[in-house]
Each structure stands twice: as C-alpha cells, then as structure tokens.
Amino acid sequence: QVQLVESGGGLVTPGGSLRLSCAGSGFIFSRYAMRWYRQAPGKERELVATINSLGGSRIYASSVKGRFTISRDNAKNTVSLQMNSLKVEDTAVYYCNAYDLVSTHWGLGTQVTVSS
C-alpha cells in the first residue's frame, strides 16, 4: 500500500522557519521525483518545489525561491522542505507528491499557518 505521510506543520510568526518532512512507503521511493505543493483557502493548488529522483536537480516556484529548500534522503525514503523567512502568504496546506512516468501519489497534507 502506497503511503506518503507529511509532518512538521504548525503555527509560526512571520520571519520564522519550519521544516516539513514526508515519509514514503509501499513504493520504490528512489525511482520517483518528489514535489511539494500547497493550497491556500479559496485558491488552486500550487507547485512549490520539485526534486528529481537522485536529488541532483531542484526547481522552485518564484514565490519561494531563496527562502525554501527541498531535499531528500533515499536511504530513509524521506523528502523535506526547509522553509525560512516565512510570510503570511505562505499559509496553506502543504502536500507531498511522488511521481514518475506512469503514476503519482499524494499525501494528506500538513497545515502551515504564518500569523502574528
């Protein structure tokens, strides 16, 4: 059974940091590229960051470039998103996604709230 489980969300003040993690199981994690998406209330789901299967290539949305860092550990089947200099507009549910040419898998999401 494929599972992606996100953790690390919470409430943080503007300018603060959070680190999200996503643990995968039930599939060959190292064969999949991994993405973090987010969805704010009333808005469409937005792609935040992508890392390829071996971790050598990373792509970021312009809104988070320079503040967020995606990384992965294939030995532990985990992908992380380090979020620094958080802004109120980063508030959203963050989702982990695994994809390859034939399949895609989603986690249930973790809430990140940035508020003073």
Protein backbone atom coordinates (compact mmCIF):
# COMPACT_ATOMS: atom_id res chain seq x y z
CA GLN A 1 0.00 0.00 0.00
CA VAL A 2 1.47 3.32 -1.08
CA GLN A 3 1.68 5.93 1.66
CA LEU A 4 3.05 9.44 1.90
CA VAL A 5 2.85 10.98 5.34
CA GLU A 6 3.66 14.64 5.90
CA SER A 7 4.71 16.13 9.23
CA GLY A 8 6.19 19.30 10.66
CA GLY A 9 3.43 21.80 10.00
CA GLY A 10 2.24 24.27 12.60
CA LEU A 11 1.85 27.90 13.57
CA VAL A 12 4.78 30.27 13.14
CA THR A 13 5.19 34.04 13.21
CA PRO A 14 6.28 35.96 10.10
CA GLY A 15 10.00 35.65 9.52
CA GLY A 16 10.14 32.29 11.25
CA SER A 17 11.09 28.86 9.95
CA LEU A 18 9.55 25.43 9.68
CA ARG A 19 10.81 22.14 8.31
CA LEU A 20 8.31 19.81 6.68
CA SER A 21 9.03 16.13 6.18
CA CYS A 22 7.35 13.47 4.10
CA ALA A 23 7.89 9.75 4.60
CA GLY A 24 7.12 7.38 1.75
CA SER A 25 6.37 3.67 1.86
CA GLY A 26 4.91 0.96 -0.35
CA PHE A 27 6.79 2.01 -3.47
CA ILE A 28 10.38 2.34 -4.71
CA PHE A 29 10.99 5.83 -3.38
CA SER A 30 14.31 6.37 -5.15
CA ARG A 31 12.68 5.96 -8.57
CA TYR A 32 10.28 8.83 -8.09
CA ALA A 33 10.71 12.55 -8.41
CA MET A 34 9.20 14.33 -5.42
CA ARG A 35 7.24 17.56 -5.22
CA TRP A 36 5.78 19.80 -2.56
CA TYR A 37 2.52 21.54 -3.38
CA ARG A 38 0.44 23.90 -1.31
CA GLN A 39 -3.15 25.03 -1.32
CA ALA A 40 -4.43 28.11 0.44
CA PRO A 41 -8.14 28.58 1.20
CA GLY A 42 -10.04 29.58 -1.92
CA LYS A 43 -7.01 29.13 -4.17
CA GLU A 44 -5.79 26.48 -6.59
CA ARG A 45 -3.12 24.00 -5.60
CA GLU A 46 0.30 25.45 -6.35
CA LEU A 47 3.55 23.64 -7.12
CA VAL A 48 6.17 24.86 -4.65
CA ALA A 49 9.29 22.74 -5.23
CA THR A 50 10.48 19.70 -7.17
CA ILE A 51 13.47 17.43 -6.70
CA ASN A 52 14.45 14.68 -9.12
CA SER A 53 14.87 11.05 -8.16
CA LEU A 54 18.57 11.28 -7.30
CA GLY A 55 18.36 14.72 -5.72
CA GLY A 56 20.63 16.42 -8.21
CA SER A 57 18.08 18.80 -9.65
CA ARG A 58 15.75 21.18 -7.81
CA ILE A 59 13.18 23.62 -9.12
CA TYR A 60 11.30 26.23 -7.10
CA ALA A 61 8.32 28.46 -7.61
CA SER A 62 9.36 32.08 -7.92
CA SER A 63 7.34 32.91 -4.80
CA VAL A 64 9.57 30.72 -2.59
CA LYS A 65 12.94 30.84 -4.36
CA GLY A 66 15.73 31.75 -1.97
CA ARG A 67 13.59 31.01 1.08
CA PHE A 68 12.65 27.33 0.71
CA THR A 69 14.95 24.34 0.18
CA ILE A 70 13.83 20.88 -0.90
CA SER A 71 15.98 17.86 -0.11
CA ARG A 72 15.64 14.09 0.01
CA ASP A 73 17.20 11.08 1.67
CA ASN A 74 16.61 7.97 -0.43
CA ALA A 75 18.11 5.75 2.26
CA LYS A 76 15.33 6.87 4.63
CA ASN A 77 12.59 7.32 1.98
CA THR A 78 12.04 10.90 3.03
CA VAL A 79 11.77 14.29 1.39
CA SER A 80 11.94 17.55 3.30
CA LEU A 81 11.09 21.19 2.75
CA GLN A 82 13.02 23.73 4.81
CA MET A 83 11.05 26.96 4.89
CA ASN A 84 12.76 30.14 6.08
CA SER A 85 11.67 33.76 6.19
CA LEU A 86 8.06 32.69 6.21
CA LYS A 87 5.39 35.15 5.14
CA VAL A 88 1.69 35.34 5.88
CA GLU A 89 1.03 34.39 2.26
CA ASP A 90 2.81 31.07 2.78
CA THR A 91 -0.15 29.94 4.87
CA ALA A 92 -1.60 26.82 3.26
CA VAL A 93 -1.94 23.08 3.47
CA TYR A 94 1.28 21.58 2.14
CA TYR A 95 1.16 18.30 0.24
CA CYS A 96 3.86 15.82 -0.64
CA ASN A 97 3.69 14.23 -4.09
CA ALA A 98 5.63 11.39 -5.70
CA TYR A 99 5.52 10.94 -9.45
CA ASP A 100 7.09 9.07 -12.30
CA LEU A 101 6.06 8.48 -15.91
CA VAL A 102 3.19 6.15 -15.04
CA SER A 103 1.92 7.00 -11.57
CA THR A 104 1.55 9.72 -8.97
CA HIS A 105 0.88 9.52 -5.24
CA TRP A 106 -0.27 12.12 -2.74
CA GLY A 107 -0.08 12.61 0.98
CA LEU A 108 -2.94 14.01 3.04
CA GLY A 109 -1.19 17.29 3.76
CA THR A 110 0.03 19.28 6.73
CA GLN A 111 -1.21 22.73 7.73
CA VAL A 112 1.22 25.64 7.84
CA THR A 113 -0.07 28.87 9.34
CA VAL A 114 2.02 32.03 9.37
CA SER A 115 0.48 34.66 11.60
CA SER A 116 1.46 37.23 14.18
